[in-house]
Amino acid sequence: MSSETEESKAAIVLAIDVEMASGGAATGEVQAADAGNASGGGGAGQLQVVEAGQMVDDKEKAPEAVKEGEKKEARKQMDSRSEMWNHFEKILADGVLQKGKCNYCKTDIAAHTVHNGTSALRKHFNVCKRNPHKNIGDSKQTVLQVNNGDSVHAWKFDPKAIRNSFAAMIIEDELPFAFGEKSRFKKFVSVACPLLLVPSRRTCTRDTVRIYFEEKSKLKLFLKEQCERVCLTTDCWTSQQQESFMTVTAHFICNEWKLHKKIISFFKVKGHKGDDIGKHLKKTLIDWGVEKVMTITVDNASSNDGGIVYMKKELNKANNSIAGAKYLHMRCAAHIVNLIVTDGLKEVEISVKRVRAAVRYVKNSPARITKFKECAELEKVDTKAFLNLDVATRWNSTYFMLKAAVSYEKVFAWYSDEDPYFALHLLSDKGKDKRIGVPDDNDWENARKMADFLGHFADLTTRVSASLHVTANNFFHEIGEVNLLVKNWMDSEDVLQKAMAQRMKDKFDKYWGNWHESDPSKKGKEKENINLMIFISAALDPRLHPICHF
C-alpha cells in the first residue's frame, strides 16, 4: 500500500454501546469519523468494525483486571525497620499509622508514613528528658551513681566491663553457663538495664575461658616477680563415678610479707601411684614456671610417700632444693589428728553406733521429729542445737552428733515410752542397724566422755587447718597439746579412758613420737617422724622469746 493511500485512509471507529439496563439484545451505534476530513485530505476510507461480541468479551475481562490490581494493592505491609520503634508505641487510626507515643515521657509525636516518617521521632528521642539512652552516643558523658557504702562516683554504660563482671559472677558463684538465658533473669535485666544484651551460654563460656587464661598469665607473672619459694599442698581422691582427681595448692609470701594461697591445678588422673603423683607435680611446676619448692604437704597414704621420693630426685637434679630436699616432706597435721581420734573411737564403737541408730530413727520421719520435739518441750531441754546425723568416716561430724545427742538423753527415754516402735526397730533384724540395741546409761556415759574429749581435738583441727594466716609456727605447740591430752587420759583411773588413750598414743608415736629414729629396714638410716621445719618455725617466732622485743 502506498503512502498516499495510508495518509488518506479513513479510520472509522464503530463503538457499540451495550445498554444492559435498557435491556434486551445488544444494540450498537455506529459512529464514523472521516479521517480524511480530520486530516484535510480526501480519499476512500476503510471501515474498521468492532463487533458487539468482541466488546462484550473486553467488558468481561475488565473486572478481572480490576481484581488483579486490587490484589497488588492489598499486598502485605512491610515491618517497620527504624530502630525508633523500640522506644515508641504505634498509634493507628483506621488501620493507618498516625502517631508514635514515647515510652518514657508518653508524648504523642506525628509519625505518618507519607507525611512525617520517623525524623520527628528521632528528634524527640534525642531531647527527651526521661530517655535513659540519649547519652549513649557520647562516650565522654557519665552518670552519677551511688552504691551502698560508697561515695558518689561517675558511671557510664560499658558493655565490655559488664560482660567481664557477668563471667566473674558465673565463676565465683559456680552458676551454670546458661544462667543468662533464664527467662526471669532476662526480664529482670530488661527492667534494670534495657541496654544490656545478656550473654548466651556460648558467649559466657568463651568469656570464662578467656578470663581464666588472663588471670593465669597475671598469676604466673606475679609468681615470677614476687615469689621466692612456694610450699605446695596436694591431695588425691576418687569420685562416686570412680574417677580420680588431683589438686595442687601453692602457699607463698610475697615481697610485701603477705601470705597468698592459690589453687594452681585441678585435673583428672589415671591412678594414685607414687610416681604418677610425682610426675603430675613436676608437670604443674613446669606449667607455672615455679622452680623453688620449700615443702610439700600430703596426707599419710603410702602412695604420697612415693610421690615425695620422686620430687626429691627431680629437685636435687635441678639444684633447687634445701639441704638436699631432706625436709621436703611435710605430713598433714589435720590428717594425723583424724587418724589418732579414729583409733580412739574404736574403743567405744558399740556405744557410738547405738546413739547413731537412735538419732537416725528419729530423723527418718517428720512425724517422729515432731513427736520428739514435743517430748523435748515437756522435758524442758535448754539447748538450741537439734539432733545431727554424722558421717561415719568423719570423726568431727561424730563429735557434733554426740555433743547434741547427750543433751537429749532424758528426751530419748521419754520418747521410748511414747513410741513403742522405737525399741522394736533398734532390736529388729531389718535396716542398717540390725540388733544394735537401745542406748543404755552406760552408752550415754561413754558418749558424754567422748564428746568432751573430742572437743579438744575439734578446736585443734580448726586451728591447724587455717589458711588465711601462717600456721607452721604453731604446729609444735599443737602437737605438744595432743601429747599432753593423751598422757592425761593414760593416767586416768577410768578403764575406758585408759584404753582409748593407749590406742591414741600408739598412733601418735607413729607419726609424731620422735624426730629421728633408726629404721632397720633401711640399713641404719634415720626415719623421719616429724619434720625439723616445725621446730625451726617455732624457734623463729619472736612472740615466744621476750628478749627479742628489746
Protein backbone atom coordinates (compact mmCIF):
# COMPACT_ATOMS: atom_id res chain seq x y z
CA MET A 1 0.00 0.00 0.00
CA SER A 2 1.35 3.46 -0.98
CA SER A 3 1.99 6.25 1.50
CA GLU A 4 -0.69 8.43 -0.06
CA THR A 5 -3.22 5.73 0.42
CA GLU A 6 -2.16 5.40 4.11
CA GLU A 7 -2.34 9.13 4.73
CA SER A 8 -5.74 9.43 3.05
CA LYS A 9 -7.09 6.36 4.64
CA ALA A 10 -10.35 6.85 6.53
CA ALA A 11 -10.40 5.50 10.02
CA ILE A 12 -13.86 4.82 11.17
CA VAL A 13 -14.37 3.60 14.67
CA LEU A 14 -17.58 1.84 15.38
CA ALA A 15 -18.48 1.65 19.04
CA ILE A 16 -21.27 -0.47 20.13
CA ASP A 17 -22.71 0.77 23.36
CA VAL A 18 -24.28 -2.11 25.14
CA GLU A 19 -27.12 -0.84 27.20
CA MET A 20 -27.85 -3.68 29.57
CA ALA A 21 -30.08 -1.55 31.75
CA SER A 22 -32.37 -0.67 28.86
CA GLY A 23 -32.46 -4.35 28.31
CA GLY A 24 -32.67 -6.66 25.54
CA ALA A 25 -30.18 -7.62 22.96
CA ALA A 26 -27.11 -5.60 22.44
CA THR A 27 -27.60 -2.73 20.03
CA GLY A 28 -24.89 -0.56 18.70
CA GLU A 29 -24.45 2.89 17.40
CA VAL A 30 -22.10 3.32 14.60
CA GLN A 31 -20.05 6.46 14.77
CA ALA A 32 -17.99 7.23 11.79
CA ALA A 33 -15.24 9.73 11.58
CA ASP A 34 -13.75 10.50 8.27
CA ALA A 35 -10.08 10.56 8.77
CA GLY A 36 -9.76 12.45 5.56
CA ASN A 37 -11.88 15.29 6.88
CA ALA A 38 -9.80 15.34 10.05
CA SER A 39 -6.52 15.28 8.19
CA GLY A 40 -7.62 17.62 5.47
CA GLY A 41 -7.43 15.05 2.79
CA GLY A 42 -9.97 13.02 0.97
CA GLY A 43 -9.94 9.57 -0.30
CA ALA A 44 -11.64 6.40 0.17
CA GLY A 45 -11.75 5.12 3.65
CA GLN A 46 -11.55 1.71 5.07
CA LEU A 47 -14.09 0.73 7.62
CA GLN A 48 -12.98 -0.96 10.82
CA VAL A 49 -15.81 -2.59 12.64
CA VAL A 50 -15.70 -3.73 16.20
CA GLU A 51 -18.36 -6.29 16.68
CA ALA A 52 -20.59 -6.36 19.69
CA GLY A 53 -19.43 -9.81 20.76
CA GLN A 54 -15.82 -8.67 20.93
CA MET A 55 -16.71 -5.66 23.09
CA VAL A 56 -18.67 -7.84 25.45
CA ASP A 57 -15.60 -10.04 25.90
CA ASP A 58 -13.50 -6.95 26.69
CA LYS A 59 -16.00 -5.83 29.27
CA GLU A 60 -15.96 -9.27 30.89
CA LYS A 61 -12.16 -9.13 31.09
CA ALA A 62 -12.20 -5.68 32.70
CA PRO A 63 -13.39 -6.82 36.16
CA GLU A 64 -10.67 -9.48 36.20
CA ALA A 65 -8.06 -6.80 35.58
CA VAL A 66 -9.52 -4.74 38.40
CA LYS A 67 -9.33 -7.71 40.77
CA GLU A 68 -5.68 -8.27 39.90
CA GLY A 69 -4.99 -4.61 40.63
CA GLU A 70 -6.72 -4.88 43.99
CA LYS A 71 -4.60 -7.90 44.83
CA LYS A 72 -1.45 -5.95 44.09
CA GLU A 73 -2.61 -3.03 46.24
CA ALA A 74 -3.58 -5.40 49.12
CA ARG A 75 -0.08 -6.89 49.49
CA LYS A 76 1.34 -7.46 53.00
CA GLN A 77 2.58 -4.31 54.70
CA MET A 78 6.33 -4.30 55.47
CA ASP A 79 7.52 -4.32 59.06
CA SER A 80 8.95 -1.14 60.50
CA ARG A 81 12.69 -1.04 60.09
CA SER A 82 13.53 2.04 62.10
CA GLU A 83 15.12 1.47 65.48
CA MET A 84 12.99 4.32 66.84
CA TRP A 85 10.05 1.94 67.18
CA ASN A 86 11.95 0.24 70.01
CA HIS A 87 11.29 3.40 72.01
CA PHE A 88 7.84 4.45 70.71
CA GLU A 89 4.40 2.84 70.67
CA LYS A 90 2.43 2.94 67.39
CA ILE A 91 -0.94 4.76 67.34
CA LEU A 92 -3.20 3.71 64.44
CA ALA A 93 -6.32 5.36 63.01
CA ASP A 94 -8.48 3.21 60.72
CA GLY A 95 -5.53 0.86 60.35
CA VAL A 96 -3.18 3.66 59.23
CA LEU A 97 -0.19 4.72 61.30
CA GLN A 98 -0.67 8.29 62.52
CA LYS A 99 1.47 8.89 65.63
CA GLY A 100 4.05 7.37 67.95
CA LYS A 101 3.85 7.56 71.75
CA CYS A 102 7.17 7.91 73.62
CA ASN A 103 7.76 5.03 76.05
CA TYR A 104 9.45 7.35 78.54
CA CYS A 105 7.51 10.65 78.66
CA LYS A 106 4.27 9.42 76.95
CA THR A 107 4.31 12.30 74.43
CA ASP A 108 2.50 11.75 71.08
CA ILE A 109 4.63 12.56 68.01
CA ALA A 110 3.32 12.65 64.42
CA ALA A 111 4.67 9.65 62.51
CA HIS A 112 2.57 9.25 59.33
CA THR A 113 4.49 7.09 56.88
CA VAL A 114 3.99 9.56 53.99
CA HIS A 115 3.86 13.00 55.60
CA ASN A 116 6.18 12.65 58.62
CA GLY A 117 8.27 9.47 58.72
CA THR A 118 10.45 8.82 61.76
CA SER A 119 12.51 12.02 61.68
CA ALA A 120 10.30 13.69 64.27
CA LEU A 121 10.54 10.61 66.47
CA ARG A 122 14.32 10.69 66.31
CA LYS A 123 14.44 14.38 67.21
CA HIS A 124 12.22 13.81 70.24
CA PHE A 125 14.26 10.76 71.24
CA ASN A 126 17.44 12.85 71.40
CA VAL A 127 15.92 15.56 73.61
CA CYS A 128 13.50 13.58 75.78
CA LYS A 129 14.34 14.35 79.39
CA ARG A 130 13.25 10.94 80.62
CA ASN A 131 15.12 8.99 77.99
CA PRO A 132 17.84 6.90 79.72
CA HIS A 133 19.61 6.25 76.39
CA LYS A 134 20.11 9.70 74.99
CA ASN A 135 23.76 9.96 76.19
CA ILE A 136 24.89 6.62 74.80
CA GLY A 137 26.46 8.10 71.70
CA ASP A 138 28.65 10.40 73.79
CA SER A 139 31.50 8.27 75.14
CA LYS A 140 32.56 11.09 77.47
CA GLN A 141 29.15 11.51 79.10
CA THR A 142 28.83 9.84 82.51
CA VAL A 143 26.08 9.42 85.06
CA LEU A 144 26.34 9.98 88.80
CA GLN A 145 25.78 6.81 90.78
CA VAL A 146 25.69 5.94 94.48
CA ASN A 147 26.28 2.35 95.67
CA ASN A 148 25.67 1.06 99.17
CA GLY A 149 28.55 2.12 101.36
CA ASP A 150 30.32 4.02 98.56
CA SER A 151 30.60 7.71 97.79
CA VAL A 152 29.10 9.34 94.71
CA HIS A 153 31.04 8.49 91.57
CA ALA A 154 30.64 8.75 87.79
CA TRP A 155 29.28 5.81 85.81
CA LYS A 156 28.76 5.14 82.15
CA PHE A 157 27.41 2.14 80.26
CA ASP A 158 30.29 -0.18 79.34
CA PRO A 159 29.19 -3.47 77.66
CA LYS A 160 32.67 -4.98 77.87
CA ALA A 161 33.01 -4.35 81.61
CA ILE A 162 29.52 -5.77 82.19
CA ARG A 163 30.34 -8.95 80.27
CA ASN A 164 33.52 -9.43 82.28
CA SER A 165 31.62 -8.88 85.52
CA PHE A 166 28.92 -11.35 84.43
CA ALA A 167 31.53 -14.02 83.67
CA ALA A 168 33.22 -13.37 87.04
CA MET A 169 29.85 -13.88 88.76
CA ILE A 170 29.41 -17.21 86.95
CA ILE A 171 32.86 -18.33 88.13
CA GLU A 172 32.70 -17.19 91.76
CA ASP A 173 29.11 -18.24 92.45
CA GLU A 174 29.51 -21.52 90.50
CA LEU A 175 26.50 -20.77 88.28
CA PRO A 176 25.72 -22.62 85.02
CA PHE A 177 26.86 -21.02 81.77
CA ALA A 178 23.21 -20.87 80.65
CA PHE A 179 22.22 -18.70 83.62
CA GLY A 180 21.87 -15.64 81.37
CA GLU A 181 19.30 -17.46 79.22
CA LYS A 182 16.79 -17.95 82.03
CA SER A 183 13.55 -16.13 81.22
CA ARG A 184 13.06 -14.50 84.61
CA PHE A 185 16.64 -13.18 84.65
CA LYS A 186 16.15 -11.71 81.16
CA LYS A 187 13.02 -9.89 82.33
CA PHE A 188 14.89 -8.54 85.32
CA VAL A 189 17.70 -7.22 83.11
CA SER A 190 15.20 -5.64 80.68
CA VAL A 191 13.83 -3.62 83.61
CA ALA A 192 17.13 -2.86 85.36
CA CYS A 193 19.18 -2.06 82.26
CA PRO A 194 17.37 -2.28 78.90
CA LEU A 195 20.63 -1.59 77.04
CA LEU A 196 22.30 -4.73 78.32
CA LEU A 197 22.42 -7.67 75.94
CA VAL A 198 22.63 -10.70 78.25
CA PRO A 199 25.38 -13.10 77.10
CA SER A 200 24.32 -16.50 75.84
CA ARG A 201 25.78 -19.70 77.25
CA ARG A 202 28.31 -19.91 74.41
CA THR A 203 29.41 -16.31 74.89
CA CYS A 204 29.62 -16.85 78.64
CA THR A 205 31.75 -19.97 78.11
CA ARG A 206 34.17 -18.09 75.87
CA ASP A 207 34.38 -15.19 78.33
CA THR A 208 35.03 -17.58 81.24
CA VAL A 209 37.84 -19.38 79.41
CA ARG A 210 39.33 -16.05 78.35
CA ILE A 211 39.28 -14.76 81.93
CA TYR A 212 40.93 -17.99 83.11
CA PHE A 213 43.88 -17.58 80.76
CA GLU A 214 44.17 -13.86 81.53
CA GLU A 215 44.24 -14.49 85.28
CA LYS A 216 46.65 -17.37 84.83
CA SER A 217 49.06 -15.12 82.92
CA LYS A 218 48.83 -12.48 85.68
CA LEU A 219 49.47 -15.07 88.39
CA LYS A 220 52.46 -16.53 86.52
CA LEU A 221 53.97 -13.07 86.28
CA PHE A 222 53.22 -12.45 89.97
CA LEU A 223 54.89 -15.74 90.96
CA LYS A 224 57.92 -14.85 88.89
CA GLU A 225 58.33 -11.37 90.39
CA GLN A 226 57.04 -11.77 93.95
CA CYS A 227 57.62 -15.38 94.97
CA GLU A 228 60.96 -16.73 96.18
CA ARG A 229 59.81 -20.19 97.25
CA VAL A 230 56.46 -21.97 97.45
CA CYS A 231 55.01 -24.52 99.80
CA LEU A 232 52.78 -26.98 97.96
CA THR A 233 49.80 -28.93 99.25
CA THR A 234 48.33 -31.76 97.19
CA ASP A 235 45.64 -34.36 97.62
CA CYS A 236 44.01 -37.09 95.53
CA TRP A 237 40.57 -38.63 95.79
CA THR A 238 38.15 -40.80 93.84
CA SER A 239 34.63 -39.66 92.95
CA GLN A 240 31.47 -41.77 93.09
CA GLN A 241 31.89 -42.35 89.35
CA GLN A 242 35.27 -43.98 90.12
CA GLU A 243 37.21 -41.15 88.53
CA SER A 244 40.43 -39.99 90.20
CA PHE A 245 41.24 -36.31 90.66
CA MET A 246 44.19 -34.37 91.99
CA THR A 247 44.56 -30.79 93.19
CA VAL A 248 47.66 -28.70 93.85
CA THR A 249 47.64 -25.58 96.05
CA ALA A 250 50.54 -23.13 96.35
CA HIS A 251 51.23 -21.13 99.53
CA PHE A 252 53.82 -18.35 99.45
CA ILE A 253 54.72 -14.98 100.95
CA CYS A 254 55.20 -12.05 98.57
CA ASN A 255 57.70 -9.20 98.81
CA GLU A 256 55.21 -7.25 100.93
CA TRP A 257 55.15 -10.05 103.52
CA LYS A 258 51.60 -11.09 102.74
CA LEU A 259 50.51 -14.72 102.72
CA HIS A 260 48.95 -15.98 99.48
CA LYS A 261 47.05 -19.17 98.77
CA LYS A 262 46.41 -20.14 95.13
CA ILE A 263 44.94 -23.32 93.67
CA ILE A 264 47.20 -23.72 90.66
CA SER A 265 46.00 -27.07 89.33
CA PHE A 266 42.96 -29.34 89.39
CA PHE A 267 42.85 -32.25 86.97
CA LYS A 268 41.84 -35.86 86.40
CA VAL A 269 44.47 -38.56 86.92
CA LYS A 270 44.59 -42.20 85.92
CA GLY A 271 45.68 -43.51 89.30
CA HIS A 272 47.13 -42.76 92.73
CA LYS A 273 50.53 -44.37 92.28
CA GLY A 274 53.56 -42.63 93.76
CA ASP A 275 55.39 -41.96 90.50
CA ASP A 276 52.20 -40.68 88.88
CA ILE A 277 51.70 -38.18 91.69
CA GLY A 278 55.30 -37.02 91.39
CA LYS A 279 55.07 -36.61 87.60
CA HIS A 280 51.89 -34.59 87.88
CA LEU A 281 53.52 -32.32 90.46
CA LYS A 282 56.52 -31.80 88.22
CA LYS A 283 54.29 -31.01 85.23
CA THR A 284 52.35 -28.46 87.30
CA LEU A 285 55.55 -26.71 88.42
CA ILE A 286 56.83 -26.51 84.83
CA ASP A 287 53.49 -25.16 83.61
CA TRP A 288 53.57 -22.33 86.16
CA GLY A 289 57.28 -21.62 85.89
CA VAL A 290 57.92 -22.49 89.56
CA GLU A 291 61.36 -23.90 90.31
CA LYS A 292 61.98 -23.47 94.04
CA VAL A 293 59.89 -25.53 96.46
CA MET A 294 60.17 -25.33 100.25
CA THR A 295 57.89 -28.16 101.39
CA ILE A 296 55.17 -30.43 100.03
CA THR A 297 52.32 -31.23 102.41
CA VAL A 298 50.44 -34.50 101.83
CA ASP A 299 48.40 -36.93 103.87
CA ASN A 300 49.81 -40.20 105.12
CA ALA A 301 48.90 -42.50 102.23
CA SER A 302 51.80 -44.72 101.13
CA SER A 303 51.45 -43.55 97.52
CA ASN A 304 52.20 -39.98 98.62
CA ASP A 305 55.49 -41.16 100.09
CA GLY A 306 56.43 -42.44 96.64
CA GLY A 307 55.48 -39.11 95.09
CA ILE A 308 57.70 -37.23 97.57
CA VAL A 309 60.66 -39.51 96.76
CA TYR A 310 60.19 -38.75 93.05
CA MET A 311 60.08 -34.98 93.68
CA LYS A 312 63.20 -35.11 95.85
CA LYS A 313 65.14 -36.63 92.96
CA GLU A 314 63.87 -34.04 90.47
CA LEU A 315 64.56 -31.05 92.73
CA ASN A 316 68.05 -32.30 93.54
CA LYS A 317 68.79 -32.69 89.82
CA ALA A 318 67.81 -29.07 89.26
CA ASN A 319 69.77 -27.88 92.34
CA ASN A 320 66.68 -26.10 93.65
CA SER A 321 66.26 -27.96 96.95
CA ILE A 322 67.20 -27.04 100.52
CA ALA A 323 69.50 -29.44 102.39
CA GLY A 324 69.15 -31.99 99.61
CA ALA A 325 65.33 -31.93 99.95
CA LYS A 326 65.69 -33.67 103.32
CA TYR A 327 62.85 -31.61 104.83
CA LEU A 328 60.63 -31.54 101.76
CA HIS A 329 58.02 -33.95 103.14
CA MET A 330 55.51 -32.28 105.50
CA ARG A 331 52.81 -34.54 106.92
CA CYS A 332 49.29 -33.12 107.13
CA ALA A 333 48.61 -32.36 110.81
CA ALA A 334 44.83 -32.45 110.38
CA HIS A 335 45.03 -35.91 108.82
CA ILE A 336 47.20 -37.24 111.66
CA VAL A 337 44.71 -35.89 114.22
CA ASN A 338 41.98 -37.64 112.28
CA LEU A 339 43.85 -40.96 112.45
CA ILE A 340 44.51 -40.57 116.19
CA VAL A 341 40.88 -39.81 117.02
CA THR A 342 39.54 -42.55 114.74
CA ASP A 343 41.62 -45.14 116.60
CA GLY A 344 40.31 -43.84 119.92
CA LEU A 345 36.69 -44.09 118.75
CA LYS A 346 37.09 -47.80 118.09
CA GLU A 347 37.17 -48.41 121.84
CA VAL A 348 33.62 -47.06 122.24
CA GLU A 349 32.38 -48.15 118.83
CA ILE A 350 29.28 -50.00 120.07
CA SER A 351 28.11 -47.04 122.18
CA VAL A 352 28.58 -44.64 119.26
CA LYS A 353 26.65 -47.00 116.96
CA ARG A 354 23.70 -47.18 119.34
CA VAL A 355 23.49 -43.40 119.70
CA ARG A 356 23.79 -43.06 115.90
CA ALA A 357 20.96 -45.60 115.39
CA ALA A 358 18.70 -43.74 117.81
CA VAL A 359 19.34 -40.41 116.08
CA ARG A 360 18.78 -41.96 112.64
CA TYR A 361 15.41 -43.43 113.72
CA VAL A 362 14.11 -40.04 114.86
CA LYS A 363 15.47 -38.14 111.84
CA ASN A 364 13.96 -40.55 109.30
CA SER A 365 10.37 -39.31 109.73
CA PRO A 366 8.83 -35.82 110.06
CA ALA A 367 6.18 -37.25 112.39
CA ARG A 368 8.86 -38.69 114.67
CA ILE A 369 10.75 -35.39 114.71
CA THR A 370 7.56 -33.56 115.70
CA LYS A 371 6.85 -36.06 118.46
CA PHE A 372 10.46 -35.87 119.67
CA LYS A 373 10.31 -32.06 119.85
CA GLU A 374 7.11 -32.29 121.88
CA CYS A 375 8.89 -34.57 124.36
CA ALA A 376 11.82 -32.12 124.47
CA GLU A 377 9.46 -29.26 125.35
CA LEU A 378 7.92 -31.31 128.14
CA GLU A 379 11.39 -32.21 129.41
CA LYS A 380 12.39 -28.51 129.15
CA VAL A 381 15.67 -29.15 127.37
CA ASP A 382 17.77 -25.99 127.44
CA THR A 383 19.61 -26.16 124.11
CA LYS A 384 19.13 -24.68 120.64
CA ALA A 385 21.03 -27.42 118.84
CA PHE A 386 18.95 -30.28 117.45
CA LEU A 387 19.95 -33.82 116.56
CA ASN A 388 22.62 -34.22 113.86
CA LEU A 389 23.33 -37.42 111.99
CA ASP A 390 27.06 -37.89 111.42
CA VAL A 391 29.11 -39.18 108.53
CA ALA A 392 30.72 -42.36 109.82
CA THR A 393 34.06 -41.63 108.10
CA ARG A 394 34.43 -38.12 109.56
CA TRP A 395 35.12 -38.02 113.26
CA ASN A 396 34.38 -34.29 113.61
CA SER A 397 30.79 -34.89 112.45
CA THR A 398 30.60 -37.72 115.01
CA TYR A 399 31.69 -35.24 117.66
CA PHE A 400 28.87 -32.83 116.78
CA MET A 401 26.37 -35.70 116.76
CA LEU A 402 27.41 -36.90 120.22
CA LYS A 403 27.52 -33.37 121.59
CA ALA A 404 23.91 -32.72 120.55
CA ALA A 405 22.61 -36.20 121.44
CA VAL A 406 23.84 -36.22 125.07
CA SER A 407 21.77 -33.08 125.69
CA TYR A 408 18.65 -35.09 124.78
CA GLU A 409 19.44 -38.18 126.85
CA LYS A 410 16.29 -37.87 129.02
CA VAL A 411 14.19 -37.00 125.96
CA PHE A 412 15.16 -40.29 124.30
CA ALA A 413 13.97 -42.15 127.41
CA TRP A 414 10.65 -40.28 127.32
CA TYR A 415 10.29 -40.83 123.57
CA SER A 416 10.88 -44.56 124.00
CA ASP A 417 7.78 -44.72 126.19
CA GLU A 418 5.72 -42.67 123.71
CA ASP A 419 6.77 -44.62 120.61
CA PRO A 420 6.66 -48.42 121.11
CA TYR A 421 8.24 -49.00 117.69
CA PHE A 422 11.44 -47.20 118.75
CA ALA A 423 12.85 -50.13 120.73
CA LEU A 424 11.38 -52.72 118.34
CA HIS A 425 13.13 -51.10 115.37
CA LEU A 426 16.55 -50.95 117.08
CA LEU A 427 16.26 -54.58 118.15
CA SER A 428 14.96 -55.93 114.82
CA ASP A 429 16.91 -57.66 112.07
CA LYS A 430 15.90 -55.13 109.40
CA GLY A 431 17.56 -51.95 108.23
CA LYS A 432 21.09 -50.68 108.70
CA ASP A 433 21.02 -51.07 112.47
CA LYS A 434 20.41 -54.79 112.85
CA ARG A 435 20.01 -55.72 116.54
CA ILE A 436 22.11 -52.76 117.56
CA GLY A 437 20.02 -52.17 120.66
CA VAL A 438 18.68 -49.15 122.51
CA PRO A 439 21.32 -46.89 124.12
CA ASP A 440 21.52 -47.55 127.88
CA ASP A 441 23.01 -45.48 130.69
CA ASN A 442 26.49 -46.86 130.06
CA ASP A 443 26.29 -45.89 126.37
CA TRP A 444 25.23 -42.36 127.24
CA GLU A 445 28.07 -42.05 129.73
CA ASN A 446 30.59 -43.17 127.10
CA ALA A 447 29.09 -40.74 124.59
CA ARG A 448 29.37 -37.89 127.11
CA LYS A 449 33.04 -38.66 127.85
CA MET A 450 33.85 -38.99 124.17
CA ALA A 451 32.13 -35.72 123.28
CA ASP A 452 34.06 -33.89 125.99
CA PHE A 453 37.37 -35.38 124.87
CA LEU A 454 36.77 -34.85 121.14
CA GLY A 455 36.01 -31.19 121.74
CA HIS A 456 39.72 -30.52 122.33
CA PHE A 457 40.65 -32.21 119.04
CA ALA A 458 37.91 -30.34 117.14
CA ASP A 459 39.32 -27.00 118.29
CA LEU A 460 42.85 -28.14 117.49
CA THR A 461 41.86 -29.22 113.96
CA THR A 462 40.27 -25.82 113.33
CA ARG A 463 43.49 -24.06 114.35
CA VAL A 464 45.88 -26.18 112.27
CA SER A 465 43.58 -26.10 109.21
CA ALA A 466 43.54 -22.29 108.91
CA SER A 467 44.62 -20.98 105.51
CA LEU A 468 44.38 -17.19 105.88
CA HIS A 469 47.35 -16.90 108.20
CA VAL A 470 50.63 -18.72 108.84
CA THR A 471 50.26 -21.85 111.00
CA ALA A 472 53.69 -23.50 110.85
CA ASN A 473 54.90 -21.63 113.94
CA ASN A 474 52.00 -23.11 115.97
CA PHE A 475 52.41 -26.76 114.95
CA PHE A 476 54.95 -27.52 117.66
CA HIS A 477 52.60 -26.29 120.40
CA GLU A 478 49.58 -28.09 118.92
CA ILE A 479 51.49 -31.36 118.76
CA GLY A 480 52.56 -30.90 122.37
CA GLU A 481 48.93 -30.26 123.38
CA VAL A 482 47.81 -33.54 121.78
CA ASN A 483 50.58 -35.37 123.62
CA LEU A 484 49.51 -33.91 126.98
CA LEU A 485 45.83 -34.78 126.40
CA VAL A 486 46.64 -38.38 125.58
CA LYS A 487 49.01 -38.74 128.56
CA ASN A 488 46.40 -37.33 130.97
CA TRP A 489 43.92 -39.95 129.79
CA MET A 490 46.53 -42.68 130.14
CA ASP A 491 46.98 -41.70 133.79
CA SER A 492 43.22 -41.78 134.40
CA GLU A 493 41.65 -44.39 136.68
CA ASP A 494 38.78 -44.83 134.23
CA VAL A 495 39.28 -48.08 132.34
CA LEU A 496 37.63 -46.78 129.16
CA GLN A 497 39.68 -43.58 129.06
CA LYS A 498 42.87 -45.52 129.65
CA ALA A 499 42.13 -47.95 126.81
CA MET A 500 41.26 -45.14 124.40
CA ALA A 501 44.38 -43.17 125.34
CA GLN A 502 46.60 -46.21 124.71
CA ARG A 503 45.22 -46.58 121.19
CA MET A 504 45.78 -42.88 120.51
CA LYS A 505 49.29 -42.94 121.92
CA ASP A 506 50.34 -45.72 119.54
CA LYS A 507 49.13 -43.72 116.55
CA PHE A 508 50.67 -40.50 117.87
CA ASP A 509 54.10 -42.14 118.26
CA LYS A 510 53.91 -43.50 114.72
CA TYR A 511 53.83 -40.01 113.19
CA TRP A 512 54.91 -37.53 115.88
CA GLY A 513 56.60 -39.58 118.56
CA ASN A 514 60.25 -38.97 117.59
CA TRP A 515 62.19 -36.64 115.38
CA HIS A 516 64.72 -39.25 114.20
CA GLU A 517 64.86 -42.93 114.90
CA SER A 518 66.76 -45.85 113.45
CA ASP A 519 64.95 -47.66 110.64
CA PRO A 520 66.17 -51.30 110.41
CA SER A 521 64.51 -51.79 107.04
CA LYS A 522 66.80 -49.13 105.55
CA LYS A 523 70.13 -50.38 106.91
CA GLY A 524 70.54 -47.97 109.79
CA LYS A 525 69.18 -44.90 108.02
CA GLU A 526 67.20 -42.47 110.11
CA LYS A 527 63.44 -42.44 109.73
CA GLU A 528 61.83 -39.01 109.99
CA ASN A 529 58.64 -38.93 112.02
CA ILE A 530 58.39 -35.16 112.34
CA ASN A 531 59.80 -32.51 110.03
CA LEU A 532 62.61 -30.39 111.50
CA MET A 533 60.99 -27.28 109.95
CA ILE A 534 58.29 -27.46 112.63
CA PHE A 535 60.93 -26.86 115.32
CA ILE A 536 62.67 -24.13 113.30
CA SER A 537 59.46 -22.18 112.65
CA ALA A 538 58.60 -22.28 116.37
CA ALA A 539 62.11 -21.14 117.32
CA LEU A 540 61.94 -18.20 114.90
CA ASP A 541 58.62 -16.94 116.28
CA PRO A 542 59.56 -13.71 118.15
CA ARG A 543 56.46 -13.92 120.35
CA LEU A 544 57.98 -16.92 122.13
CA HIS A 545 61.17 -15.04 123.05
CA PRO A 546 60.67 -11.92 125.20
CA ILE A 547 64.33 -11.00 124.70
CA CYS A 548 63.61 -10.34 121.03
CA HIS A 549 61.44 -7.34 121.92
CA PHE A 550 64.37 -5.37 123.39
